[in-house]
């Protein structure tokens, strides 16, 4: 079991937090703050420093943890394969019924 984030599974919470923190912007969109994200095993500490006053405020961010089960992805693939087989069998049956109708 692991944590799912942007199409990837991360085996530990720390790895998940590191990945999320790596996507943290370094400057706010308006340029008023410098932003720094520090990951730990329990949370991500988001610090923003006002570029005018140099006052830093910190906020704890705990991202949602979505369970990543590799077997679930395998099951989805198997279900899709059976669905494709069912479509082909249905198409073949319809073709055979059409052939029987035409031959009469």
N, C-alpha and C. Protein backbone atom coordinates (compact mmCIF):
# COMPACT_ATOMS: atom_id res chain seq x y z
N UNK A 1 0.84 -1.18 0.00
CA UNK A 1 0.00 0.00 0.00
C UNK A 1 0.88 1.24 0.00
N UNK A 2 0.39 2.27 -0.61
CA UNK A 2 1.12 3.51 -0.65
C UNK A 2 0.15 4.67 -0.79
N UNK A 3 0.67 5.77 -1.23
CA UNK A 3 -0.13 6.98 -1.41
C UNK A 3 -0.10 7.38 -2.88
N UNK A 4 -1.25 7.73 -3.41
CA UNK A 4 -1.41 8.08 -4.82
C UNK A 4 -1.38 9.59 -4.99
N UNK A 5 -0.58 10.06 -5.98
CA UNK A 5 -0.52 11.49 -6.28
C UNK A 5 -0.08 11.66 -7.72
N UNK A 6 -0.89 12.32 -8.51
CA UNK A 6 -0.60 12.63 -9.91
C UNK A 6 -0.13 11.41 -10.71
N UNK A 7 -0.88 10.33 -10.60
CA UNK A 7 -0.59 9.15 -11.40
C UNK A 7 0.54 8.27 -10.89
N UNK A 8 1.07 8.55 -9.71
CA UNK A 8 2.17 7.75 -9.17
C UNK A 8 1.81 7.25 -7.78
N UNK A 9 2.42 6.12 -7.41
CA UNK A 9 2.28 5.59 -6.06
C UNK A 9 3.57 5.89 -5.29
N UNK A 10 3.42 6.39 -4.08
CA UNK A 10 4.57 6.66 -3.22
C UNK A 10 4.47 5.75 -2.01
N UNK A 11 5.55 5.03 -1.73
CA UNK A 11 5.51 4.00 -0.71
C UNK A 11 5.41 4.55 0.71
N UNK A 12 5.92 5.75 0.96
CA UNK A 12 5.84 6.32 2.30
C UNK A 12 5.19 7.69 2.24
N UNK A 13 4.70 8.12 3.38
CA UNK A 13 4.09 9.44 3.48
C UNK A 13 5.14 10.52 3.25
N UNK A 14 6.35 10.29 3.73
CA UNK A 14 7.43 11.26 3.52
C UNK A 14 7.72 11.44 2.02
N UNK A 15 7.75 10.34 1.28
CA UNK A 15 7.97 10.44 -0.17
C UNK A 15 6.85 11.23 -0.84
N UNK A 16 5.62 11.00 -0.39
CA UNK A 16 4.48 11.76 -0.92
C UNK A 16 4.64 13.23 -0.62
N UNK A 17 4.98 13.57 0.61
CA UNK A 17 5.13 14.97 1.00
C UNK A 17 6.29 15.63 0.26
N UNK A 18 7.35 14.89 0.03
CA UNK A 18 8.49 15.44 -0.73
C UNK A 18 8.06 15.78 -2.16
N UNK A 19 7.29 14.89 -2.77
CA UNK A 19 6.83 15.13 -4.14
C UNK A 19 5.92 16.35 -4.21
N UNK A 20 4.99 16.44 -3.28
CA UNK A 20 4.08 17.59 -3.26
C UNK A 20 4.87 18.88 -3.02
N UNK A 21 5.80 18.85 -2.07
CA UNK A 21 6.61 20.04 -1.77
C UNK A 21 7.48 20.44 -2.95
N UNK A 22 7.89 19.48 -3.77
CA UNK A 22 8.72 19.82 -4.92
C UNK A 22 7.94 20.62 -5.96
N UNK A 23 6.61 20.55 -5.90
CA UNK A 23 5.76 21.31 -6.83
C UNK A 23 5.35 22.66 -6.26
N UNK A 24 5.88 23.00 -5.11
CA UNK A 24 5.54 24.26 -4.44
C UNK A 24 6.19 25.43 -5.19
N UNK A 25 5.41 26.47 -5.49
CA UNK A 25 6.02 27.62 -6.17
C UNK A 25 6.98 28.35 -5.23
N UNK A 26 7.99 29.00 -5.78
CA UNK A 26 8.96 29.72 -4.95
C UNK A 26 8.57 31.17 -4.73
N UNK A 27 7.71 31.68 -5.61
CA UNK A 27 7.25 33.06 -5.51
C UNK A 27 5.74 33.06 -5.75
N UNK A 28 5.00 33.88 -4.99
CA UNK A 28 3.56 33.98 -5.19
C UNK A 28 3.28 34.59 -6.57
N UNK A 29 2.09 34.32 -7.13
CA UNK A 29 1.78 34.85 -8.47
C UNK A 29 1.92 36.37 -8.59
N UNK A 30 1.64 37.09 -7.51
CA UNK A 30 1.76 38.55 -7.57
C UNK A 30 3.15 39.05 -7.21
N UNK A 31 4.05 38.14 -6.82
CA UNK A 31 5.42 38.51 -6.49
C UNK A 31 5.60 39.12 -5.12
N UNK A 32 4.53 39.13 -4.32
CA UNK A 32 4.59 39.76 -3.00
C UNK A 32 5.22 38.87 -1.94
N UNK A 33 5.27 37.55 -2.18
CA UNK A 33 5.77 36.62 -1.18
C UNK A 33 6.77 35.65 -1.77
N UNK A 34 7.77 35.30 -0.98
CA UNK A 34 8.65 34.18 -1.30
C UNK A 34 8.10 32.99 -0.55
N UNK A 35 7.99 31.85 -1.21
CA UNK A 35 7.35 30.68 -0.63
C UNK A 35 8.37 29.55 -0.51
N UNK A 36 8.29 28.86 0.62
CA UNK A 36 9.15 27.69 0.84
C UNK A 36 8.30 26.60 1.46
N UNK A 37 8.42 25.37 0.93
CA UNK A 37 7.68 24.23 1.45
C UNK A 37 8.67 23.21 2.01
N UNK A 38 8.47 22.84 3.27
CA UNK A 38 9.36 21.89 3.93
C UNK A 38 8.58 20.63 4.31
N UNK A 39 8.87 19.51 3.64
CA UNK A 39 8.13 18.28 3.93
C UNK A 39 8.65 17.56 5.17
N UNK A 40 7.75 16.90 5.87
CA UNK A 40 8.12 15.98 6.96
C UNK A 40 7.19 14.77 6.85
N UNK A 41 7.32 13.83 7.76
CA UNK A 41 6.48 12.64 7.68
C UNK A 41 5.02 12.93 8.00
N UNK A 42 4.74 13.97 8.74
CA UNK A 42 3.37 14.24 9.17
C UNK A 42 2.69 15.37 8.43
N UNK A 43 3.47 16.29 7.85
CA UNK A 43 2.87 17.47 7.23
C UNK A 43 3.89 18.16 6.33
N UNK A 44 3.41 19.20 5.67
CA UNK A 44 4.28 20.09 4.90
C UNK A 44 4.13 21.47 5.52
N UNK A 45 5.25 22.06 5.89
CA UNK A 45 5.22 23.41 6.46
C UNK A 45 5.45 24.39 5.31
N UNK A 46 4.44 25.25 5.09
CA UNK A 46 4.52 26.24 4.03
C UNK A 46 4.84 27.58 4.68
N UNK A 47 6.00 28.12 4.34
CA UNK A 47 6.43 29.42 4.87
C UNK A 47 6.40 30.44 3.75
N UNK A 48 5.84 31.60 4.07
CA UNK A 48 5.85 32.67 3.07
C UNK A 48 6.40 33.93 3.71
N UNK A 49 7.31 34.53 3.00
CA UNK A 49 7.98 35.73 3.47
C UNK A 49 7.55 36.91 2.62
N UNK A 50 7.05 37.94 3.27
CA UNK A 50 6.65 39.16 2.57
C UNK A 50 7.90 39.83 2.04
N UNK A 51 7.93 40.13 0.75
CA UNK A 51 9.13 40.71 0.14
C UNK A 51 9.36 42.16 0.57
N UNK A 52 8.35 42.83 1.07
CA UNK A 52 8.51 44.21 1.52
C UNK A 52 8.95 44.30 2.97
N UNK A 53 8.27 43.54 3.84
CA UNK A 53 8.55 43.64 5.28
C UNK A 53 9.49 42.56 5.78
N UNK A 54 9.71 41.52 4.98
CA UNK A 54 10.53 40.36 5.35
C UNK A 54 9.97 39.61 6.56
N UNK A 55 8.68 39.74 6.82
CA UNK A 55 8.01 38.99 7.89
C UNK A 55 7.60 37.64 7.31
N UNK A 56 7.96 36.59 8.06
CA UNK A 56 7.66 35.23 7.62
C UNK A 56 6.51 34.66 8.44
N UNK A 57 5.56 34.05 7.75
CA UNK A 57 4.48 33.32 8.41
C UNK A 57 4.51 31.89 7.91
N UNK A 58 4.20 30.98 8.82
CA UNK A 58 4.22 29.55 8.47
C UNK A 58 2.85 28.94 8.70
N UNK A 59 2.51 28.01 7.84
CA UNK A 59 1.24 27.29 7.93
C UNK A 59 1.52 25.82 7.71
N UNK A 60 0.86 24.97 8.48
CA UNK A 60 0.97 23.53 8.28
C UNK A 60 -0.05 23.10 7.24
N UNK A 61 0.41 22.29 6.30
CA UNK A 61 -0.48 21.74 5.28
C UNK A 61 -0.38 20.23 5.34
N UNK A 62 -1.52 19.58 5.54
CA UNK A 62 -1.57 18.12 5.57
C UNK A 62 -2.38 17.68 4.35
N UNK A 63 -1.70 17.19 3.31
CA UNK A 63 -2.42 16.81 2.09
C UNK A 63 -3.27 15.56 2.30
N UNK A 64 -4.31 15.46 1.50
CA UNK A 64 -5.16 14.28 1.54
C UNK A 64 -4.34 13.09 1.06
N UNK A 65 -4.48 11.99 1.76
CA UNK A 65 -3.74 10.79 1.38
C UNK A 65 -4.71 9.81 0.73
N UNK A 66 -4.47 9.55 -0.55
CA UNK A 66 -5.30 8.64 -1.31
C UNK A 66 -4.56 7.31 -1.39
N UNK A 67 -5.20 6.26 -0.96
CA UNK A 67 -4.58 4.95 -0.96
C UNK A 67 -4.30 4.49 -2.38
N UNK A 68 -3.12 3.98 -2.57
CA UNK A 68 -2.70 3.48 -3.88
C UNK A 68 -2.51 1.98 -3.75
N UNK A 69 -3.38 1.24 -4.40
CA UNK A 69 -3.31 -0.22 -4.34
C UNK A 69 -2.99 -0.75 -5.73
N UNK A 70 -1.76 -1.24 -5.96
CA UNK A 70 -1.38 -1.72 -7.29
C UNK A 70 -2.28 -2.83 -7.80
N UNK A 71 -2.82 -3.66 -6.89
CA UNK A 71 -3.70 -4.75 -7.33
C UNK A 71 -4.99 -4.20 -7.91
N UNK A 72 -5.44 -3.04 -7.44
CA UNK A 72 -6.64 -2.42 -7.97
C UNK A 72 -6.45 -2.06 -9.44
N UNK A 73 -5.28 -1.54 -9.79
CA UNK A 73 -5.00 -1.22 -11.19
C UNK A 73 -4.96 -2.49 -12.04
N UNK A 74 -4.42 -3.57 -11.49
CA UNK A 74 -4.39 -4.84 -12.20
C UNK A 74 -5.80 -5.34 -12.44
N UNK A 75 -6.66 -5.24 -11.42
CA UNK A 75 -8.05 -5.67 -11.56
C UNK A 75 -8.77 -4.86 -12.62
N UNK A 76 -8.52 -3.57 -12.71
CA UNK A 76 -9.13 -2.74 -13.73
C UNK A 76 -8.71 -3.21 -15.13
N UNK A 77 -7.45 -3.58 -15.28
CA UNK A 77 -6.95 -4.08 -16.57
C UNK A 77 -7.60 -5.40 -16.95
N UNK A 78 -7.77 -6.28 -15.98
CA UNK A 78 -8.41 -7.57 -16.25
C UNK A 78 -9.87 -7.37 -16.63
N UNK A 79 -10.56 -6.47 -15.93
CA UNK A 79 -11.95 -6.19 -16.27
C UNK A 79 -12.06 -5.64 -17.69
N UNK A 80 -11.16 -4.77 -18.07
CA UNK A 80 -11.17 -4.21 -19.42
C UNK A 80 -10.93 -5.31 -20.46
N UNK A 81 -10.03 -6.23 -20.18
CA UNK A 81 -9.75 -7.32 -21.11
C UNK A 81 -10.99 -8.19 -21.31
N UNK A 82 -11.70 -8.50 -20.22
CA UNK A 82 -12.92 -9.30 -20.35
C UNK A 82 -14.00 -8.54 -21.11
N UNK A 83 -14.07 -7.24 -20.93
CA UNK A 83 -15.03 -6.43 -21.67
C UNK A 83 -14.74 -6.49 -23.16
N UNK A 84 -13.48 -6.40 -23.54
CA UNK A 84 -13.10 -6.48 -24.96
C UNK A 84 -13.43 -7.85 -25.53
N UNK A 85 -13.15 -8.91 -24.77
CA UNK A 85 -13.48 -10.27 -25.21
C UNK A 85 -14.99 -10.38 -25.42
N UNK A 86 -15.77 -9.83 -24.49
CA UNK A 86 -17.23 -9.88 -24.61
C UNK A 86 -17.73 -9.17 -25.86
N UNK A 87 -17.13 -8.05 -26.20
CA UNK A 87 -17.52 -7.32 -27.41
C UNK A 87 -17.22 -8.15 -28.65
N UNK A 88 -16.05 -8.76 -28.69
CA UNK A 88 -15.70 -9.58 -29.86
C UNK A 88 -16.61 -10.80 -29.99
N UNK A 89 -16.92 -11.45 -28.89
CA UNK A 89 -17.81 -12.60 -28.93
C UNK A 89 -19.21 -12.17 -29.39
N UNK A 90 -19.68 -11.05 -28.88
CA UNK A 90 -21.00 -10.54 -29.30
C UNK A 90 -21.02 -10.22 -30.79
N UNK A 91 -19.97 -9.58 -31.28
CA UNK A 91 -19.89 -9.25 -32.70
C UNK A 91 -19.88 -10.52 -33.55
N UNK A 92 -19.15 -11.54 -33.13
CA UNK A 92 -19.10 -12.80 -33.88
C UNK A 92 -20.47 -13.47 -33.90
N UNK A 93 -21.17 -13.44 -32.76
CA UNK A 93 -22.51 -14.04 -32.69
C UNK A 93 -23.49 -13.31 -33.62
N UNK A 94 -23.41 -11.99 -33.64
CA UNK A 94 -24.29 -11.22 -34.52
C UNK A 94 -23.99 -11.55 -35.98
N UNK A 95 -22.73 -11.68 -36.31
CA UNK A 95 -22.35 -12.03 -37.68
C UNK A 95 -22.91 -13.40 -38.06
N UNK A 96 -22.83 -14.34 -37.14
CA UNK A 96 -23.35 -15.69 -37.42
C UNK A 96 -24.86 -15.66 -37.59
N UNK A 97 -25.56 -14.88 -36.80
CA UNK A 97 -27.02 -14.77 -36.93
C UNK A 97 -27.37 -14.16 -38.29
N UNK A 98 -26.64 -13.15 -38.72
CA UNK A 98 -26.87 -12.54 -40.02
C UNK A 98 -26.64 -13.55 -41.13
N UNK A 99 -25.59 -14.37 -41.01
CA UNK A 99 -25.31 -15.39 -42.03
C UNK A 99 -26.44 -16.42 -42.10
N UNK A 100 -26.99 -16.80 -40.96
CA UNK A 100 -28.09 -17.78 -40.93
C UNK A 100 -29.33 -17.17 -41.58
N UNK A 101 -29.63 -15.91 -41.27
CA UNK A 101 -30.79 -15.24 -41.85
C UNK A 101 -30.64 -15.12 -43.38
N UNK A 102 -29.48 -14.77 -43.88
CA UNK A 102 -29.23 -14.62 -45.31
C UNK A 102 -29.34 -15.95 -46.06
N UNK A 103 -28.95 -17.03 -45.39
CA UNK A 103 -28.94 -18.34 -46.07
C UNK A 103 -30.34 -18.90 -46.24
N UNK A 104 -31.35 -18.35 -45.62
CA UNK A 104 -32.73 -18.87 -45.74
C UNK A 104 -33.40 -18.30 -46.88
